[in-house]
Amino acid sequence: MSEVKKEEEKEAPFTIDEQGQVHCKWPGCSSIFPGDPSGMKAWANHWAAHTKRGMKEEAEGLTPKELSILVGVKERYDEDRKKAVLKTIDQILSDINQIFEVYVPPLDCKIRYGRMRVDEFMALKDLSEEDYIRQALFLMWRKGDESVTLEKIKQFTLEEIRQIYFYIVENTPFLFRATGTESSSEPQKSKPSS
């Protein structure tokens, strides 16, 4: 069996429509479940029943971890949707370049930084962990402080770099700007710079 054929068979066993409802993709099944957590659990049980009956040779049900992720994504989406406000394009564009401040306890100071862009992340993603953290910290910190250079960043120990990076990541509402990446479930702790 070709690799392309295997990839096609491994697609998600469900679809989610515009109303957030889960549609079972089992051949011949037309069951629809609400997109809330209880509906997702009902769908998972429904899918497990399909796979248990052996109606498909290579049925791939969701693991508890995958189900948990799916439910978590849906819950965050619903929470964010309820809190979302209508914005003009000018407001969105000003948010993209927003500078944040975060308190870094190991340094006992605040620093200013900007979010990483997706293209910046993609340029770094194949680096070693150590190089990635240094480069990512440089890119974000430089946006809020023009005096930051890669040479200055290299003067910190790797542990100090990790700690600074940790406080930025933990306190940024979306690490990447202008993307739909997951946000922290905690309230925003970093403050936009005035």
N, C-alpha and C. Protein backbone atom coordinates (compact mmCIF):
# COMPACT_ATOMS: atom_id res chain seq x y z
N MET A 1 0.86 -1.18 0.00
CA MET A 1 0.00 0.00 0.00
C MET A 1 0.90 1.23 0.00
N SER A 2 0.59 2.18 -0.84
CA SER A 2 1.45 3.36 -0.96
C SER A 2 1.31 4.25 0.27
N GLU A 3 2.37 5.06 0.49
CA GLU A 3 2.37 5.99 1.64
C GLU A 3 1.25 7.01 1.53
N VAL A 4 0.96 7.48 0.30
CA VAL A 4 -0.12 8.46 0.09
C VAL A 4 -1.44 7.86 0.51
N LYS A 5 -1.68 6.61 0.14
CA LYS A 5 -2.93 5.93 0.49
C LYS A 5 -3.07 5.82 2.01
N LYS A 6 -1.96 5.46 2.71
CA LYS A 6 -1.99 5.34 4.17
C LYS A 6 -2.30 6.68 4.81
N GLU A 7 -1.72 7.77 4.29
CA GLU A 7 -1.96 9.11 4.86
C GLU A 7 -3.42 9.48 4.71
N GLU A 8 -4.04 9.15 3.54
CA GLU A 8 -5.43 9.48 3.32
C GLU A 8 -6.33 8.75 4.31
N GLU A 9 -5.97 7.49 4.62
CA GLU A 9 -6.78 6.70 5.54
C GLU A 9 -6.67 7.19 6.97
N LYS A 10 -5.61 7.90 7.32
CA LYS A 10 -5.41 8.34 8.69
C LYS A 10 -6.05 9.68 9.00
N GLU A 11 -6.89 10.20 8.12
CA GLU A 11 -7.51 11.48 8.40
C GLU A 11 -8.46 11.36 9.59
N ALA A 12 -8.83 12.48 10.16
CA ALA A 12 -9.65 12.50 11.36
C ALA A 12 -10.95 11.72 11.14
N PRO A 13 -11.41 10.98 12.15
CA PRO A 13 -12.61 10.17 12.00
C PRO A 13 -13.91 10.98 12.21
N PHE A 14 -13.80 12.28 12.19
CA PHE A 14 -14.96 13.14 12.39
C PHE A 14 -14.72 14.46 11.67
N THR A 15 -15.79 15.23 11.52
CA THR A 15 -15.68 16.61 11.04
C THR A 15 -16.45 17.48 12.03
N ILE A 16 -16.10 18.74 12.08
CA ILE A 16 -16.82 19.68 12.94
C ILE A 16 -17.40 20.75 12.02
N ASP A 17 -18.72 20.93 12.09
CA ASP A 17 -19.36 21.91 11.22
C ASP A 17 -19.29 23.32 11.80
N GLU A 18 -19.88 24.27 11.10
CA GLU A 18 -19.83 25.68 11.51
C GLU A 18 -20.50 25.94 12.84
N GLN A 19 -21.44 25.09 13.23
CA GLN A 19 -22.12 25.25 14.52
C GLN A 19 -21.36 24.53 15.64
N GLY A 20 -20.23 23.93 15.31
CA GLY A 20 -19.43 23.23 16.32
C GLY A 20 -19.89 21.81 16.59
N GLN A 21 -20.79 21.28 15.75
CA GLN A 21 -21.28 19.92 15.94
C GLN A 21 -20.29 18.92 15.33
N VAL A 22 -20.18 17.76 15.98
CA VAL A 22 -19.27 16.71 15.53
C VAL A 22 -20.05 15.71 14.68
N HIS A 23 -19.58 15.48 13.45
CA HIS A 23 -20.21 14.54 12.52
C HIS A 23 -19.33 13.29 12.41
N CYS A 24 -19.88 12.15 12.68
CA CYS A 24 -19.16 10.88 12.57
C CYS A 24 -18.89 10.59 11.10
N LYS A 25 -17.65 10.19 10.80
CA LYS A 25 -17.28 9.88 9.41
C LYS A 25 -17.19 8.37 9.16
N TRP A 26 -17.73 7.57 10.07
CA TRP A 26 -17.73 6.13 9.84
C TRP A 26 -18.56 5.85 8.60
N PRO A 27 -18.09 5.00 7.69
CA PRO A 27 -18.85 4.73 6.47
C PRO A 27 -20.29 4.32 6.77
N GLY A 28 -21.21 5.05 6.17
CA GLY A 28 -22.63 4.74 6.34
C GLY A 28 -23.26 5.32 7.59
N CYS A 29 -22.49 5.99 8.45
CA CYS A 29 -23.05 6.56 9.68
C CYS A 29 -23.31 8.04 9.47
N SER A 30 -24.44 8.52 9.96
CA SER A 30 -24.76 9.94 9.82
C SER A 30 -25.03 10.58 11.19
N SER A 31 -24.46 10.02 12.23
CA SER A 31 -24.68 10.54 13.58
C SER A 31 -24.00 11.89 13.76
N ILE A 32 -24.68 12.77 14.48
CA ILE A 32 -24.18 14.11 14.77
C ILE A 32 -24.28 14.33 16.28
N PHE A 33 -23.23 14.92 16.85
CA PHE A 33 -23.18 15.15 18.29
C PHE A 33 -22.92 16.62 18.57
N PRO A 34 -23.46 17.15 19.68
CA PRO A 34 -23.18 18.54 20.03
C PRO A 34 -21.68 18.72 20.30
N GLY A 35 -21.19 19.93 20.08
CA GLY A 35 -19.76 20.19 20.25
C GLY A 35 -19.32 20.47 21.66
N ASP A 36 -20.23 20.34 22.63
CA ASP A 36 -19.83 20.58 24.03
C ASP A 36 -19.09 19.35 24.57
N PRO A 37 -18.46 19.46 25.73
CA PRO A 37 -17.70 18.32 26.26
C PRO A 37 -18.50 17.02 26.37
N SER A 38 -19.76 17.11 26.80
CA SER A 38 -20.54 15.87 26.93
C SER A 38 -20.84 15.28 25.55
N GLY A 39 -21.06 16.14 24.56
CA GLY A 39 -21.27 15.65 23.19
C GLY A 39 -20.02 15.01 22.63
N MET A 40 -18.86 15.59 22.94
CA MET A 40 -17.59 15.02 22.48
C MET A 40 -17.37 13.64 23.10
N LYS A 41 -17.70 13.52 24.38
CA LYS A 41 -17.55 12.23 25.05
C LYS A 41 -18.51 11.21 24.44
N ALA A 42 -19.74 11.66 24.14
CA ALA A 42 -20.71 10.76 23.52
C ALA A 42 -20.21 10.31 22.15
N TRP A 43 -19.61 11.24 21.38
CA TRP A 43 -19.06 10.87 20.08
C TRP A 43 -17.93 9.85 20.25
N ALA A 44 -17.06 10.07 21.22
CA ALA A 44 -15.94 9.14 21.44
C ALA A 44 -16.46 7.75 21.77
N ASN A 45 -17.51 7.66 22.60
CA ASN A 45 -18.11 6.36 22.92
C ASN A 45 -18.75 5.74 21.68
N HIS A 46 -19.38 6.59 20.87
CA HIS A 46 -20.01 6.15 19.63
C HIS A 46 -18.94 5.57 18.70
N TRP A 47 -17.82 6.28 18.55
CA TRP A 47 -16.73 5.83 17.69
C TRP A 47 -16.12 4.52 18.22
N ALA A 48 -15.97 4.45 19.54
CA ALA A 48 -15.41 3.24 20.14
C ALA A 48 -16.33 2.04 19.85
N ALA A 49 -17.65 2.27 19.87
CA ALA A 49 -18.59 1.18 19.56
C ALA A 49 -18.41 0.73 18.11
N HIS A 50 -18.22 1.69 17.18
CA HIS A 50 -17.97 1.32 15.78
C HIS A 50 -16.73 0.43 15.69
N THR A 51 -15.65 0.87 16.31
CA THR A 51 -14.38 0.14 16.19
C THR A 51 -14.45 -1.22 16.89
N LYS A 52 -15.22 -1.30 17.96
CA LYS A 52 -15.35 -2.56 18.71
C LYS A 52 -16.06 -3.60 17.86
N ARG A 53 -17.05 -3.15 17.09
CA ARG A 53 -17.82 -4.07 16.26
C ARG A 53 -16.99 -4.58 15.08
N GLY A 54 -15.87 -3.93 14.82
CA GLY A 54 -14.98 -4.39 13.75
C GLY A 54 -15.52 -4.16 12.37
N MET A 55 -16.27 -3.11 12.16
CA MET A 55 -16.86 -2.85 10.85
C MET A 55 -15.82 -2.30 9.87
N LYS A 56 -14.66 -1.97 10.35
CA LYS A 56 -13.62 -1.43 9.49
C LYS A 56 -12.31 -2.07 9.92
N GLU A 57 -11.49 -2.53 8.99
CA GLU A 57 -10.27 -3.25 9.33
C GLU A 57 -9.33 -2.46 10.20
N GLU A 58 -9.03 -1.23 9.81
CA GLU A 58 -8.04 -0.45 10.54
C GLU A 58 -8.67 0.76 11.20
N ALA A 59 -9.73 0.54 11.94
CA ALA A 59 -10.40 1.65 12.61
C ALA A 59 -9.47 2.27 13.64
N GLU A 60 -9.39 3.57 13.63
CA GLU A 60 -8.52 4.26 14.58
C GLU A 60 -9.37 5.19 15.45
N GLY A 61 -9.69 4.73 16.64
CA GLY A 61 -10.44 5.55 17.58
C GLY A 61 -9.51 6.53 18.26
N LEU A 62 -10.08 7.43 19.02
CA LEU A 62 -9.29 8.41 19.75
C LEU A 62 -8.83 7.82 21.07
N THR A 63 -7.59 8.11 21.41
CA THR A 63 -7.09 7.72 22.72
C THR A 63 -7.65 8.70 23.74
N PRO A 64 -7.62 8.36 25.02
CA PRO A 64 -8.10 9.31 26.03
C PRO A 64 -7.35 10.64 25.95
N LYS A 65 -6.05 10.59 25.65
CA LYS A 65 -5.27 11.83 25.53
C LYS A 65 -5.77 12.67 24.36
N GLU A 66 -6.01 12.04 23.20
CA GLU A 66 -6.51 12.77 22.03
C GLU A 66 -7.89 13.36 22.31
N LEU A 67 -8.74 12.60 22.98
CA LEU A 67 -10.06 13.10 23.33
C LEU A 67 -9.94 14.30 24.26
N SER A 68 -9.06 14.21 25.23
CA SER A 68 -8.85 15.30 26.17
C SER A 68 -8.40 16.57 25.44
N ILE A 69 -7.49 16.40 24.48
CA ILE A 69 -7.00 17.54 23.70
C ILE A 69 -8.15 18.14 22.90
N LEU A 70 -8.94 17.29 22.25
CA LEU A 70 -10.07 17.74 21.45
C LEU A 70 -11.08 18.52 22.30
N VAL A 71 -11.41 17.97 23.45
CA VAL A 71 -12.36 18.64 24.34
C VAL A 71 -11.76 19.97 24.83
N GLY A 72 -10.48 19.96 25.18
CA GLY A 72 -9.82 21.18 25.65
C GLY A 72 -9.81 22.28 24.61
N VAL A 73 -9.54 21.92 23.36
CA VAL A 73 -9.53 22.91 22.27
C VAL A 73 -10.92 23.51 22.10
N LYS A 74 -11.92 22.66 22.11
CA LYS A 74 -13.30 23.14 21.94
C LYS A 74 -13.70 24.04 23.11
N GLU A 75 -13.34 23.67 24.34
CA GLU A 75 -13.68 24.50 25.50
C GLU A 75 -12.99 25.86 25.42
N ARG A 76 -11.70 25.88 25.06
CA ARG A 76 -10.97 27.15 24.94
C ARG A 76 -11.57 28.02 23.84
N TYR A 77 -11.94 27.38 22.72
CA TYR A 77 -12.55 28.11 21.62
C TYR A 77 -13.85 28.77 22.10
N ASP A 78 -14.69 28.02 22.78
CA ASP A 78 -15.95 28.57 23.27
C ASP A 78 -15.73 29.70 24.28
N GLU A 79 -14.76 29.53 25.20
CA GLU A 79 -14.47 30.59 26.17
C GLU A 79 -13.96 31.84 25.47
N ASP A 80 -13.02 31.66 24.55
CA ASP A 80 -12.46 32.80 23.83
C ASP A 80 -13.52 33.50 22.99
N ARG A 81 -14.39 32.72 22.34
CA ARG A 81 -15.44 33.29 21.51
C ARG A 81 -16.38 34.17 22.34
N LYS A 82 -16.71 33.71 23.55
CA LYS A 82 -17.61 34.48 24.42
C LYS A 82 -16.98 35.78 24.88
N LYS A 83 -15.65 35.79 25.07
CA LYS A 83 -14.95 36.97 25.57
C LYS A 83 -14.51 37.91 24.44
N ALA A 84 -14.56 37.43 23.20
CA ALA A 84 -14.04 38.21 22.07
C ALA A 84 -14.84 39.49 21.87
N VAL A 85 -14.13 40.53 21.46
CA VAL A 85 -14.76 41.81 21.16
C VAL A 85 -14.58 42.12 19.68
N LEU A 86 -15.49 42.88 19.14
CA LEU A 86 -15.40 43.29 17.75
C LEU A 86 -14.28 44.31 17.61
N LYS A 87 -13.41 44.14 16.62
CA LYS A 87 -12.30 45.07 16.40
C LYS A 87 -12.27 45.51 14.95
N THR A 88 -11.79 46.72 14.74
CA THR A 88 -11.55 47.21 13.39
C THR A 88 -10.19 46.70 12.93
N ILE A 89 -9.94 46.79 11.65
CA ILE A 89 -8.65 46.34 11.13
C ILE A 89 -7.51 47.16 11.72
N ASP A 90 -7.75 48.48 11.96
CA ASP A 90 -6.70 49.32 12.55
C ASP A 90 -6.34 48.84 13.96
N GLN A 91 -7.35 48.45 14.73
CA GLN A 91 -7.08 47.93 16.08
C GLN A 91 -6.30 46.62 16.01
N ILE A 92 -6.64 45.77 15.08
CA ILE A 92 -5.94 44.49 14.93
C ILE A 92 -4.49 44.73 14.55
N LEU A 93 -4.27 45.62 13.59
CA LEU A 93 -2.90 45.90 13.16
C LEU A 93 -2.06 46.51 14.28
N SER A 94 -2.68 47.35 15.13
CA SER A 94 -1.91 47.92 16.24
C SER A 94 -1.59 46.85 17.28
N ASP A 95 -2.47 45.86 17.44
CA ASP A 95 -2.22 44.76 18.38
C ASP A 95 -1.06 43.88 17.91
N ILE A 96 -0.90 43.74 16.60
CA ILE A 96 0.15 42.86 16.07
C ILE A 96 1.53 43.30 16.55
N ASN A 97 1.76 44.59 16.60
CA ASN A 97 3.08 45.09 16.98
C ASN A 97 3.15 45.52 18.44
N GLN A 98 2.23 45.05 19.25
CA GLN A 98 2.18 45.44 20.65
C GLN A 98 3.44 45.00 21.40
N ILE A 99 3.91 45.88 22.26
CA ILE A 99 5.07 45.58 23.11
C ILE A 99 4.54 45.29 24.51
N PHE A 100 5.06 44.22 25.13
CA PHE A 100 4.65 43.80 26.46
C PHE A 100 5.77 44.01 27.45
N GLU A 101 5.41 44.05 28.71
CA GLU A 101 6.38 44.07 29.80
C GLU A 101 6.12 42.86 30.68
N VAL A 102 7.18 42.25 31.16
CA VAL A 102 7.03 41.11 32.06
C VAL A 102 8.09 41.23 33.15
N TYR A 103 7.68 40.89 34.36
CA TYR A 103 8.62 40.85 35.50
C TYR A 103 9.35 39.52 35.46
N VAL A 104 10.68 39.57 35.56
CA VAL A 104 11.51 38.37 35.54
C VAL A 104 12.18 38.26 36.91
N PRO A 105 11.62 37.45 37.82
CA PRO A 105 12.14 37.35 39.19
C PRO A 105 13.64 37.06 39.31
N PRO A 106 14.21 36.16 38.53
CA PRO A 106 15.65 35.91 38.70
C PRO A 106 16.52 37.15 38.44
N LEU A 107 16.03 38.06 37.61
CA LEU A 107 16.76 39.30 37.33
C LEU A 107 16.25 40.46 38.19
N ASP A 108 15.13 40.26 38.87
CA ASP A 108 14.47 41.27 39.67
C ASP A 108 14.26 42.56 38.89
N CYS A 109 13.70 42.40 37.69
CA CYS A 109 13.40 43.58 36.86
C CYS A 109 12.31 43.21 35.84
N LYS A 110 11.80 44.24 35.19
CA LYS A 110 10.87 44.04 34.08
C LYS A 110 11.65 44.21 32.79
N ILE A 111 11.22 43.48 31.77
CA ILE A 111 11.78 43.68 30.44
C ILE A 111 10.64 43.89 29.46
N ARG A 112 10.94 44.53 28.35
CA ARG A 112 9.96 44.74 27.28
C ARG A 112 10.29 43.79 26.14
N TYR A 113 9.25 43.28 25.49
CA TYR A 113 9.44 42.35 24.38
C TYR A 113 8.21 42.38 23.49
N GLY A 114 8.35 41.84 22.31
CA GLY A 114 7.24 41.68 21.37
C GLY A 114 7.05 40.21 21.06
N ARG A 115 5.91 39.89 20.50
CA ARG A 115 5.63 38.50 20.14
C ARG A 115 6.48 38.06 18.95
N MET A 116 6.73 36.77 18.89
CA MET A 116 7.43 36.19 17.75
C MET A 116 6.42 36.02 16.61
N ARG A 117 6.85 36.27 15.39
CA ARG A 117 6.00 36.03 14.22
C ARG A 117 6.16 34.57 13.78
N VAL A 118 5.18 34.06 13.08
CA VAL A 118 5.22 32.67 12.63
C VAL A 118 6.42 32.45 11.71
N ASP A 119 6.70 33.39 10.81
CA ASP A 119 7.84 33.21 9.90
C ASP A 119 9.16 33.19 10.67
N GLU A 120 9.25 33.94 11.77
CA GLU A 120 10.45 33.92 12.60
C GLU A 120 10.60 32.55 13.27
N PHE A 121 9.49 32.03 13.78
CA PHE A 121 9.53 30.71 14.39
C PHE A 121 9.95 29.65 13.38
N MET A 122 9.37 29.71 12.18
CA MET A 122 9.68 28.71 11.16
C MET A 122 11.16 28.73 10.80
N ALA A 123 11.78 29.90 10.84
CA ALA A 123 13.21 30.00 10.54
C ALA A 123 14.06 29.36 11.64
N LEU A 124 13.52 29.27 12.85
CA LEU A 124 14.27 28.75 13.99
C LEU A 124 13.94 27.30 14.35
N LYS A 125 12.85 26.79 13.88
CA LYS A 125 12.31 25.51 14.36
C LYS A 125 13.26 24.33 14.25
N ASP A 126 14.20 24.36 13.33
CA ASP A 126 15.10 23.22 13.16
C ASP A 126 16.41 23.37 13.93
N LEU A 127 16.57 24.45 14.67
CA LEU A 127 17.78 24.65 15.47
C LEU A 127 17.79 23.72 16.68
N SER A 128 18.95 23.53 17.25
CA SER A 128 19.03 22.76 18.50
C SER A 128 18.26 23.54 19.57
N GLU A 129 17.88 22.87 20.64
CA GLU A 129 17.11 23.54 21.70
C GLU A 129 17.84 24.77 22.23
N GLU A 130 19.12 24.64 22.49
CA GLU A 130 19.90 25.74 23.03
C GLU A 130 19.93 26.93 22.07
N ASP A 131 20.21 26.67 20.80
CA ASP A 131 20.25 27.75 19.81
C ASP A 131 18.86 28.36 19.60
N TYR A 132 17.83 27.50 19.60
CA TYR A 132 16.47 28.00 19.42
C TYR A 132 16.10 28.98 20.53
N ILE A 133 16.35 28.62 21.78
CA ILE A 133 15.98 29.49 22.90
C ILE A 133 16.73 30.81 22.83
N ARG A 134 18.02 30.76 22.54
CA ARG A 134 18.80 32.00 22.42
C ARG A 134 18.25 32.91 21.31
N GLN A 135 18.03 32.33 20.14
CA GLN A 135 17.55 33.11 19.00
C GLN A 135 16.14 33.64 19.24
N ALA A 136 15.26 32.80 19.79
CA ALA A 136 13.88 33.23 20.05
C ALA A 136 13.86 34.37 21.07
N LEU A 137 14.64 34.22 22.14
CA LEU A 137 14.69 35.28 23.14
C LEU A 137 15.22 36.57 22.53
N PHE A 138 16.24 36.46 21.71
CA PHE A 138 16.79 37.64 21.04
C PHE A 138 15.73 38.32 20.18
N LEU A 139 15.03 37.55 19.35
CA LEU A 139 14.03 38.13 18.46
C LEU A 139 12.93 38.86 19.22
N MET A 140 12.43 38.26 20.30
CA MET A 140 11.33 38.87 21.05
C MET A 140 11.80 40.05 21.89
N TRP A 141 12.90 39.90 22.58
CA TRP A 141 13.40 40.94 23.48
C TRP A 141 13.84 42.17 22.68
N ARG A 142 14.44 41.94 21.52
CA ARG A 142 14.93 43.04 20.67
C ARG A 142 13.78 43.95 20.24
N LYS A 143 12.59 43.41 20.08
CA LYS A 143 11.43 44.21 19.66
C LYS A 143 11.05 45.24 20.71
N GLY A 144 11.35 44.96 21.98
CA GLY A 144 11.01 45.89 23.04
C GLY A 144 12.20 46.68 23.56
N ASP A 145 13.41 46.30 23.16
CA ASP A 145 14.63 46.96 23.64
C ASP A 145 15.67 46.89 22.54
N GLU A 146 15.87 48.00 21.84
CA GLU A 146 16.78 48.02 20.69
C GLU A 146 18.24 47.78 21.07
N SER A 147 18.57 47.90 22.35
CA SER A 147 19.96 47.69 22.76
C SER A 147 20.31 46.20 22.89
N VAL A 148 19.31 45.32 22.76
CA VAL A 148 19.55 43.88 22.86
C VAL A 148 20.25 43.40 21.58
N THR A 149 21.35 42.68 21.76
CA THR A 149 22.05 42.05 20.64
C THR A 149 22.23 40.57 20.95
N LEU A 150 22.48 39.80 19.92
CA LEU A 150 22.71 38.37 20.12
C LEU A 150 23.97 38.15 20.96
N GLU A 151 24.96 38.99 20.78
CA GLU A 151 26.19 38.87 21.57
C GLU A 151 25.91 39.09 23.06
N LYS A 152 25.05 40.04 23.36
CA LYS A 152 24.69 40.30 24.77
C LYS A 152 23.89 39.13 25.33
N ILE A 153 22.99 38.58 24.54
CA ILE A 153 22.20 37.43 24.98
C ILE A 153 23.14 36.27 25.31
N LYS A 154 24.18 36.08 24.52
CA LYS A 154 25.12 34.97 24.73
C LYS A 154 25.92 35.12 26.02
N GLN A 155 25.90 36.31 26.62
CA GLN A 155 26.61 36.51 27.89
C GLN A 155 25.86 35.89 29.07
N PHE A 156 24.57 35.60 28.89
CA PHE A 156 23.80 34.93 29.92
C PHE A 156 24.09 33.44 29.87
N THR A 157 23.96 32.78 31.01
CA THR A 157 24.08 31.32 31.01
C THR A 157 22.82 30.75 30.36
N LEU A 158 22.90 29.51 29.90
CA LEU A 158 21.74 28.88 29.29
C LEU A 158 20.57 28.82 30.26
N GLU A 159 20.84 28.58 31.54
CA GLU A 159 19.77 28.52 32.54
C GLU A 159 19.09 29.89 32.69
N GLU A 160 19.87 30.97 32.68
CA GLU A 160 19.28 32.32 32.77
C GLU A 160 18.42 32.60 31.54
N ILE A 161 18.91 32.19 30.38
CA ILE A 161 18.15 32.39 29.14
C ILE A 161 16.83 31.62 29.22
N ARG A 162 16.89 30.39 29.70
CA ARG A 162 15.67 29.58 29.84
C ARG A 162 14.67 30.24 30.79
N GLN A 163 15.16 30.78 31.88
CA GLN A 163 14.25 31.43 32.85
C GLN A 163 13.60 32.66 32.25
N ILE A 164 14.36 33.50 31.58
CA ILE A 164 13.79 34.70 30.96
C ILE A 164 12.75 34.29 29.92
N TYR A 165 13.12 33.33 29.08
CA TYR A 165 12.22 32.83 28.04
C TYR A 165 10.95 32.25 28.67
N PHE A 166 11.10 31.50 29.77
CA PHE A 166 9.96 30.91 30.47
C PHE A 166 8.96 32.00 30.90
N TYR A 167 9.46 33.08 31.50
CA TYR A 167 8.54 34.14 31.97
C TYR A 167 7.84 34.82 30.81
N ILE A 168 8.52 34.96 29.69
CA ILE A 168 7.86 35.54 28.51
C ILE A 168 6.77 34.60 28.01
N VAL A 169 7.11 33.34 27.82
CA VAL A 169 6.14 32.37 27.29
C VAL A 169 4.95 32.20 28.22
N GLU A 170 5.19 32.10 29.53
CA GLU A 170 4.11 31.89 30.48
C GLU A 170 3.19 33.09 30.61
N ASN A 171 3.65 34.26 30.25
CA ASN A 171 2.86 35.47 30.49
C ASN A 171 2.44 36.20 29.23
N THR A 172 2.56 35.58 28.08
CA THR A 172 2.15 36.19 26.83
C THR A 172 0.83 35.58 26.40
N PRO A 173 -0.19 36.41 26.12
CA PRO A 173 -1.49 35.85 25.75
C PRO A 173 -1.42 34.94 24.53
N PHE A 174 -0.68 35.31 23.52
CA PHE A 174 -0.39 34.44 22.37
C PHE A 174 1.08 34.65 22.07
N LEU A 175 1.86 33.59 22.11
CA LEU A 175 3.29 33.72 21.87
C LEU A 175 3.56 34.24 20.47
N PHE A 176 2.81 33.76 19.48
CA PHE A 176 3.01 34.18 18.11
C PHE A 176 1.98 35.23 17.75
N ARG A 177 2.40 36.27 17.10
CA ARG A 177 1.44 37.30 16.73
C ARG A 177 0.74 36.94 15.44
N ALA A 178 -0.51 37.39 15.37
CA ALA A 178 -1.35 37.21 14.19
C ALA A 178 -1.55 35.74 13.83
N THR A 179 -1.66 34.87 14.83
CA THR A 179 -1.94 33.47 14.58
C THR A 179 -3.00 33.00 15.56
N GLY A 180 -3.48 31.80 15.34
CA GLY A 180 -4.47 31.23 16.26
C GLY A 180 -3.85 30.20 17.16
N THR A 181 -2.67 30.40 17.62
CA THR A 181 -2.07 29.44 18.52
C THR A 181 -2.76 29.46 19.84
N GLU A 182 -2.54 28.42 20.61
CA GLU A 182 -3.18 28.33 21.92
C GLU A 182 -2.69 29.42 22.84
N SER A 183 -3.60 29.93 23.64
CA SER A 183 -3.21 30.89 24.65
C SER A 183 -3.17 30.18 25.99
N SER A 184 -2.51 30.80 26.93
CA SER A 184 -2.46 30.25 28.28
C SER A 184 -3.85 30.33 28.88
N SER A 185 -4.23 29.38 29.70
CA SER A 185 -5.54 29.43 30.34
C SER A 185 -5.54 30.40 31.51
N GLU A 186 -4.35 30.83 31.91
CA GLU A 186 -4.26 31.80 32.98
C GLU A 186 -4.52 33.20 32.43
N PRO A 187 -4.99 34.14 33.27
CA PRO A 187 -5.17 35.50 32.78
C PRO A 187 -3.83 36.09 32.37
N GLN A 188 -3.91 37.06 31.47
CA GLN A 188 -2.69 37.70 31.00
C GLN A 188 -2.00 38.42 32.16
N LYS A 189 -0.71 38.13 32.37
CA LYS A 189 0.05 38.73 33.46
C LYS A 189 0.97 39.82 32.92
N SER A 190 1.46 39.66 31.68
CA SER A 190 2.28 40.70 31.08
C SER A 190 1.40 41.89 30.79
N LYS A 191 1.95 43.05 30.94
CA LYS A 191 1.19 44.26 30.69
C LYS A 191 1.67 44.90 29.40
N PRO A 192 0.71 45.36 28.56
CA PRO A 192 1.15 46.11 27.39
C PRO A 192 1.94 47.32 27.85
N SER A 193 3.00 47.60 27.15
CA SER A 193 3.85 48.74 27.49
C SER A 193 3.15 50.03 27.10
N SER A 194 3.30 51.07 27.92
CA SER A 194 2.63 52.34 27.61
C SER A 194 3.46 53.17 26.68
